[in-house]
Amino acid sequence: MAPVPATASVAPKGMRVGDVLSGQLNALRVRAPKGKRANTFQLVSEPRRLPAPAGLCNLETGPETFEIVTANDTQAAELRKLVGKQVSLKVNEVTCAEQAGQMSEALVTKWSVVAKPN
């Protein structure tokens, strides 16, 4: 079997609802529409192919940066404690980023922490 050339792209791993997404959690400060600063959380992981109809988000390898959307202050506080650490999140809802200027390639809107670092 011939070796795969370095320039050949490897198909991204597929993601289904309920799968676990792991990587480093970062906090970003962004300006909300009314000019107010807001904390945004981002998980950097391996490229993933999202469930249909999202697919690769118009990217060659699929998204690698995922904005973790918080639904309330409790979720935001939980993530603030984990910034800078490797975390694993169970993804229940994910979609491609569609707004201009977003810092992430995909949005995780429903999630839960499944593995916290020690």
N, C-alpha and C. Protein backbone atom coordinates (compact mmCIF):
# COMPACT_ATOMS: atom_id res chain seq x y z
N MET A 1 0.84 -1.17 0.00
CA MET A 1 0.00 0.00 0.00
C MET A 1 0.89 1.24 0.00
N ALA A 2 0.63 2.18 -0.88
CA ALA A 2 1.44 3.39 -1.00
C ALA A 2 1.13 4.36 0.14
N PRO A 3 2.16 5.10 0.62
CA PRO A 3 1.92 6.08 1.68
C PRO A 3 1.05 7.23 1.16
N VAL A 4 0.29 7.82 2.05
CA VAL A 4 -0.57 8.94 1.70
C VAL A 4 0.27 10.20 1.63
N PRO A 5 0.19 10.96 0.52
CA PRO A 5 0.97 12.19 0.42
C PRO A 5 0.57 13.19 1.50
N ALA A 6 1.51 14.01 1.94
CA ALA A 6 1.26 14.99 3.00
C ALA A 6 0.18 16.00 2.60
N THR A 7 0.00 16.23 1.30
CA THR A 7 -0.97 17.22 0.86
C THR A 7 -2.39 16.67 0.79
N ALA A 8 -2.55 15.36 0.92
CA ALA A 8 -3.89 14.78 0.86
C ALA A 8 -4.64 15.12 2.13
N SER A 9 -5.90 15.55 1.99
CA SER A 9 -6.68 15.90 3.17
C SER A 9 -7.37 14.65 3.70
N VAL A 10 -7.38 14.54 4.99
CA VAL A 10 -8.02 13.42 5.65
C VAL A 10 -9.45 13.83 5.96
N ALA A 11 -10.40 12.94 5.74
CA ALA A 11 -11.80 13.24 6.00
C ALA A 11 -12.00 13.51 7.48
N PRO A 12 -12.72 14.59 7.81
CA PRO A 12 -12.94 14.89 9.22
C PRO A 12 -13.85 13.85 9.87
N LYS A 13 -13.66 13.68 11.15
CA LYS A 13 -14.47 12.76 11.92
C LYS A 13 -15.89 13.31 12.00
N GLY A 14 -16.88 12.47 11.82
CA GLY A 14 -18.27 12.90 11.88
C GLY A 14 -18.72 13.09 13.32
N MET A 15 -19.68 13.98 13.52
CA MET A 15 -20.24 14.24 14.84
C MET A 15 -21.75 14.03 14.78
N ARG A 16 -22.27 13.32 15.77
CA ARG A 16 -23.71 13.14 15.89
C ARG A 16 -24.19 13.79 17.18
N VAL A 17 -25.47 14.09 17.25
CA VAL A 17 -26.05 14.62 18.47
C VAL A 17 -25.80 13.61 19.57
N GLY A 18 -25.30 14.08 20.71
CA GLY A 18 -24.97 13.21 21.83
C GLY A 18 -23.51 12.83 21.90
N ASP A 19 -22.73 13.15 20.86
CA ASP A 19 -21.29 12.86 20.87
C ASP A 19 -20.57 13.81 21.82
N VAL A 20 -19.36 13.44 22.19
CA VAL A 20 -18.54 14.25 23.08
C VAL A 20 -17.50 15.00 22.27
N LEU A 21 -17.39 16.28 22.56
CA LEU A 21 -16.42 17.16 21.92
C LEU A 21 -15.39 17.53 22.99
N SER A 22 -14.11 17.28 22.72
CA SER A 22 -13.06 17.54 23.71
C SER A 22 -12.04 18.51 23.15
N GLY A 23 -11.51 19.33 24.04
CA GLY A 23 -10.48 20.28 23.66
C GLY A 23 -10.27 21.31 24.74
N GLN A 24 -9.45 22.31 24.43
CA GLN A 24 -9.17 23.38 25.39
C GLN A 24 -10.26 24.43 25.33
N LEU A 25 -10.73 24.84 26.50
CA LEU A 25 -11.76 25.87 26.60
C LEU A 25 -11.11 27.23 26.76
N ASN A 26 -11.48 28.17 25.94
CA ASN A 26 -10.97 29.53 25.99
C ASN A 26 -12.10 30.50 26.26
N ALA A 27 -11.78 31.65 26.83
CA ALA A 27 -12.75 32.72 27.03
C ALA A 27 -12.35 33.88 26.12
N LEU A 28 -13.32 34.44 25.44
CA LEU A 28 -13.09 35.59 24.56
C LEU A 28 -13.97 36.73 25.03
N ARG A 29 -13.48 37.94 24.92
CA ARG A 29 -14.31 39.12 25.24
C ARG A 29 -14.75 39.70 23.91
N VAL A 30 -16.05 39.73 23.71
CA VAL A 30 -16.59 40.27 22.47
C VAL A 30 -17.55 41.40 22.80
N ARG A 31 -17.80 42.24 21.83
CA ARG A 31 -18.72 43.35 22.01
C ARG A 31 -20.09 42.93 21.48
N ALA A 32 -21.06 42.97 22.36
CA ALA A 32 -22.44 42.62 22.01
C ALA A 32 -23.03 43.71 21.12
N PRO A 33 -24.17 43.45 20.45
CA PRO A 33 -24.76 44.42 19.52
C PRO A 33 -24.97 45.82 20.10
N LYS A 34 -25.27 45.95 21.38
CA LYS A 34 -25.51 47.27 21.97
C LYS A 34 -24.23 47.88 22.54
N GLY A 35 -23.07 47.34 22.17
CA GLY A 35 -21.80 47.90 22.60
C GLY A 35 -21.31 47.37 23.93
N LYS A 36 -22.09 46.57 24.61
CA LYS A 36 -21.71 45.99 25.90
C LYS A 36 -20.78 44.81 25.67
N ARG A 37 -19.75 44.69 26.50
CA ARG A 37 -18.83 43.56 26.39
C ARG A 37 -19.47 42.33 27.00
N ALA A 38 -19.24 41.19 26.36
CA ALA A 38 -19.80 39.93 26.85
C ALA A 38 -18.74 38.84 26.79
N ASN A 39 -18.77 37.93 27.76
CA ASN A 39 -17.87 36.78 27.73
C ASN A 39 -18.42 35.74 26.78
N THR A 40 -17.55 35.20 25.96
CA THR A 40 -17.91 34.13 25.04
C THR A 40 -16.91 33.01 25.26
N PHE A 41 -17.39 31.78 25.20
CA PHE A 41 -16.54 30.63 25.42
C PHE A 41 -16.33 29.89 24.11
N GLN A 42 -15.11 29.41 23.91
CA GLN A 42 -14.76 28.73 22.67
C GLN A 42 -13.97 27.47 22.99
N LEU A 43 -14.33 26.38 22.35
CA LEU A 43 -13.63 25.11 22.49
C LEU A 43 -12.90 24.83 21.18
N VAL A 44 -11.60 24.57 21.27
CA VAL A 44 -10.80 24.26 20.09
C VAL A 44 -10.58 22.75 20.09
N SER A 45 -10.94 22.10 18.99
CA SER A 45 -10.89 20.65 18.91
C SER A 45 -10.39 20.24 17.53
N GLU A 46 -10.40 18.94 17.27
CA GLU A 46 -10.06 18.45 15.94
C GLU A 46 -11.20 18.80 14.97
N PRO A 47 -10.91 18.88 13.67
CA PRO A 47 -11.98 19.17 12.70
C PRO A 47 -13.09 18.12 12.78
N ARG A 48 -14.32 18.57 12.71
CA ARG A 48 -15.47 17.66 12.79
C ARG A 48 -16.45 17.97 11.68
N ARG A 49 -17.09 16.95 11.18
CA ARG A 49 -18.17 17.10 10.20
C ARG A 49 -19.46 17.09 11.02
N LEU A 50 -20.25 18.15 10.93
CA LEU A 50 -21.45 18.28 11.73
C LEU A 50 -22.60 17.46 11.15
N PRO A 51 -23.60 17.16 11.98
CA PRO A 51 -24.77 16.43 11.48
C PRO A 51 -25.47 17.21 10.37
N ALA A 52 -26.14 16.51 9.48
CA ALA A 52 -26.88 17.16 8.40
C ALA A 52 -27.92 18.09 9.01
N PRO A 53 -28.22 19.19 8.41
CA PRO A 53 -27.75 19.66 7.11
C PRO A 53 -26.48 20.51 7.18
N ALA A 54 -25.86 20.67 8.36
CA ALA A 54 -24.73 21.58 8.51
C ALA A 54 -23.48 21.09 7.77
N GLY A 55 -23.13 19.82 7.90
CA GLY A 55 -21.98 19.27 7.19
C GLY A 55 -20.66 19.88 7.58
N LEU A 56 -19.94 20.43 6.61
CA LEU A 56 -18.59 20.96 6.84
C LEU A 56 -18.57 22.46 7.08
N CYS A 57 -19.72 23.12 7.11
CA CYS A 57 -19.80 24.58 7.33
C CYS A 57 -19.01 25.35 6.26
N ASN A 58 -19.06 24.87 5.03
CA ASN A 58 -18.35 25.50 3.92
C ASN A 58 -16.84 25.58 4.13
N LEU A 59 -16.31 24.66 4.93
CA LEU A 59 -14.88 24.57 5.16
C LEU A 59 -14.36 23.28 4.55
N GLU A 60 -13.10 23.24 4.20
CA GLU A 60 -12.53 22.05 3.58
C GLU A 60 -12.45 20.88 4.55
N THR A 61 -12.13 21.17 5.82
CA THR A 61 -11.94 20.09 6.79
C THR A 61 -13.01 20.04 7.87
N GLY A 62 -13.97 20.93 7.85
CA GLY A 62 -14.97 20.99 8.92
C GLY A 62 -14.50 21.92 10.02
N PRO A 63 -15.41 22.35 10.89
CA PRO A 63 -15.04 23.31 11.93
C PRO A 63 -14.10 22.73 12.97
N GLU A 64 -13.21 23.59 13.48
CA GLU A 64 -12.28 23.24 14.55
C GLU A 64 -12.53 24.09 15.79
N THR A 65 -13.17 25.24 15.60
CA THR A 65 -13.46 26.13 16.72
C THR A 65 -14.97 26.17 16.93
N PHE A 66 -15.37 25.94 18.17
CA PHE A 66 -16.79 25.84 18.52
C PHE A 66 -17.11 26.85 19.61
N GLU A 67 -18.03 27.77 19.33
CA GLU A 67 -18.49 28.69 20.36
C GLU A 67 -19.49 27.95 21.23
N ILE A 68 -19.26 27.99 22.53
CA ILE A 68 -20.14 27.32 23.47
C ILE A 68 -21.11 28.38 24.00
N VAL A 69 -22.37 28.28 23.61
CA VAL A 69 -23.39 29.27 23.96
C VAL A 69 -23.97 28.91 25.32
N THR A 70 -23.99 29.88 26.22
CA THR A 70 -24.57 29.65 27.55
C THR A 70 -26.01 30.14 27.56
N ALA A 71 -26.87 29.36 28.21
CA ALA A 71 -28.30 29.69 28.27
C ALA A 71 -28.63 30.51 29.52
N ASN A 72 -27.74 30.49 30.51
CA ASN A 72 -28.03 31.21 31.75
C ASN A 72 -26.73 31.48 32.51
N ASP A 73 -26.84 32.21 33.62
CA ASP A 73 -25.66 32.56 34.42
C ASP A 73 -25.00 31.34 35.05
N THR A 74 -25.78 30.32 35.37
CA THR A 74 -25.24 29.11 35.98
C THR A 74 -24.29 28.42 35.02
N GLN A 75 -24.69 28.30 33.75
CA GLN A 75 -23.81 27.67 32.75
C GLN A 75 -22.55 28.51 32.55
N ALA A 76 -22.71 29.84 32.50
CA ALA A 76 -21.55 30.73 32.31
C ALA A 76 -20.57 30.57 33.47
N ALA A 77 -21.07 30.49 34.70
CA ALA A 77 -20.20 30.32 35.86
C ALA A 77 -19.48 28.98 35.81
N GLU A 78 -20.18 27.93 35.37
CA GLU A 78 -19.57 26.61 35.25
C GLU A 78 -18.40 26.64 34.27
N LEU A 79 -18.58 27.30 33.13
CA LEU A 79 -17.53 27.37 32.12
C LEU A 79 -16.37 28.27 32.55
N ARG A 80 -16.66 29.36 33.26
CA ARG A 80 -15.59 30.26 33.72
C ARG A 80 -14.56 29.50 34.55
N LYS A 81 -14.99 28.52 35.34
CA LYS A 81 -14.09 27.73 36.18
C LYS A 81 -13.19 26.82 35.35
N LEU A 82 -13.58 26.55 34.10
CA LEU A 82 -12.86 25.58 33.27
C LEU A 82 -11.99 26.23 32.18
N VAL A 83 -11.98 27.55 32.10
CA VAL A 83 -11.21 28.25 31.07
C VAL A 83 -9.73 27.89 31.17
N GLY A 84 -9.14 27.58 30.02
CA GLY A 84 -7.72 27.24 29.94
C GLY A 84 -7.43 25.77 30.17
N LYS A 85 -8.47 24.99 30.41
CA LYS A 85 -8.29 23.57 30.70
C LYS A 85 -8.88 22.71 29.58
N GLN A 86 -8.45 21.46 29.55
CA GLN A 86 -9.02 20.49 28.62
C GLN A 86 -10.35 20.02 29.20
N VAL A 87 -11.42 20.12 28.41
CA VAL A 87 -12.74 19.70 28.87
C VAL A 87 -13.40 18.82 27.81
N SER A 88 -14.43 18.11 28.24
CA SER A 88 -15.23 17.31 27.33
C SER A 88 -16.69 17.70 27.53
N LEU A 89 -17.35 18.03 26.42
CA LEU A 89 -18.75 18.43 26.46
C LEU A 89 -19.58 17.48 25.62
N LYS A 90 -20.73 17.07 26.15
CA LYS A 90 -21.69 16.30 25.38
C LYS A 90 -22.50 17.31 24.57
N VAL A 91 -22.48 17.15 23.25
CA VAL A 91 -23.13 18.09 22.34
C VAL A 91 -24.54 17.60 22.02
N ASN A 92 -25.54 18.43 22.35
CA ASN A 92 -26.93 18.09 22.06
C ASN A 92 -27.51 18.89 20.92
N GLU A 93 -26.87 20.03 20.60
CA GLU A 93 -27.31 20.83 19.45
C GLU A 93 -26.13 21.66 18.95
N VAL A 94 -25.85 21.55 17.65
CA VAL A 94 -24.73 22.27 17.06
C VAL A 94 -25.11 22.71 15.65
N THR A 95 -24.59 23.86 15.25
CA THR A 95 -24.86 24.39 13.92
C THR A 95 -23.67 25.21 13.45
N CYS A 96 -23.61 25.48 12.16
CA CYS A 96 -22.54 26.31 11.61
C CYS A 96 -22.76 27.77 12.01
N ALA A 97 -21.67 28.49 12.22
CA ALA A 97 -21.75 29.92 12.48
C ALA A 97 -22.16 30.61 11.18
N GLU A 98 -23.07 31.56 11.28
CA GLU A 98 -23.58 32.21 10.06
C GLU A 98 -23.44 33.72 10.07
N GLN A 99 -23.16 34.32 11.23
CA GLN A 99 -23.07 35.77 11.30
C GLN A 99 -21.65 36.22 10.97
N ALA A 100 -21.55 37.31 10.24
CA ALA A 100 -20.24 37.86 9.90
C ALA A 100 -19.53 38.30 11.17
N GLY A 101 -18.24 38.03 11.25
CA GLY A 101 -17.45 38.47 12.38
C GLY A 101 -17.44 37.53 13.57
N GLN A 102 -18.11 36.39 13.47
CA GLN A 102 -18.07 35.45 14.60
C GLN A 102 -16.68 34.87 14.72
N MET A 103 -16.26 34.63 15.95
CA MET A 103 -14.91 34.16 16.22
C MET A 103 -14.78 32.65 16.10
N SER A 104 -15.88 31.93 15.98
CA SER A 104 -15.87 30.48 15.89
C SER A 104 -16.53 30.03 14.60
N GLU A 105 -16.21 28.80 14.19
CA GLU A 105 -16.75 28.27 12.94
C GLU A 105 -18.10 27.58 13.14
N ALA A 106 -18.38 27.16 14.38
CA ALA A 106 -19.64 26.48 14.68
C ALA A 106 -20.12 26.88 16.07
N LEU A 107 -21.43 26.75 16.30
CA LEU A 107 -22.03 27.09 17.58
C LEU A 107 -22.62 25.86 18.24
N VAL A 108 -22.28 25.65 19.50
CA VAL A 108 -22.89 24.58 20.29
C VAL A 108 -23.87 25.26 21.22
N THR A 109 -25.17 25.06 20.97
CA THR A 109 -26.19 25.78 21.72
C THR A 109 -26.80 24.98 22.86
N LYS A 110 -26.69 23.67 22.81
CA LYS A 110 -27.15 22.82 23.92
C LYS A 110 -26.05 21.81 24.21
N TRP A 111 -25.62 21.77 25.47
CA TRP A 111 -24.46 20.98 25.85
C TRP A 111 -24.49 20.67 27.34
N SER A 112 -23.62 19.76 27.76
CA SER A 112 -23.40 19.50 29.19
C SER A 112 -21.97 19.05 29.36
N VAL A 113 -21.36 19.41 30.48
CA VAL A 113 -19.98 19.00 30.79
C VAL A 113 -20.02 17.54 31.21
N VAL A 114 -19.19 16.70 30.58
CA VAL A 114 -19.16 15.28 30.93
C VAL A 114 -17.86 14.89 31.64
N ALA A 115 -16.81 15.65 31.44
CA ALA A 115 -15.54 15.34 32.10
C ALA A 115 -14.87 16.64 32.50
N LYS A 116 -14.70 16.80 33.81
CA LYS A 116 -14.02 18.00 34.31
C LYS A 116 -12.57 17.65 34.61
N PRO A 117 -11.65 18.58 34.36
CA PRO A 117 -10.25 18.33 34.67
C PRO A 117 -10.04 18.28 36.17
N ASN A 118 -8.99 17.60 36.59
CA ASN A 118 -8.68 17.52 38.04
C ASN A 118 -7.98 18.76 38.51
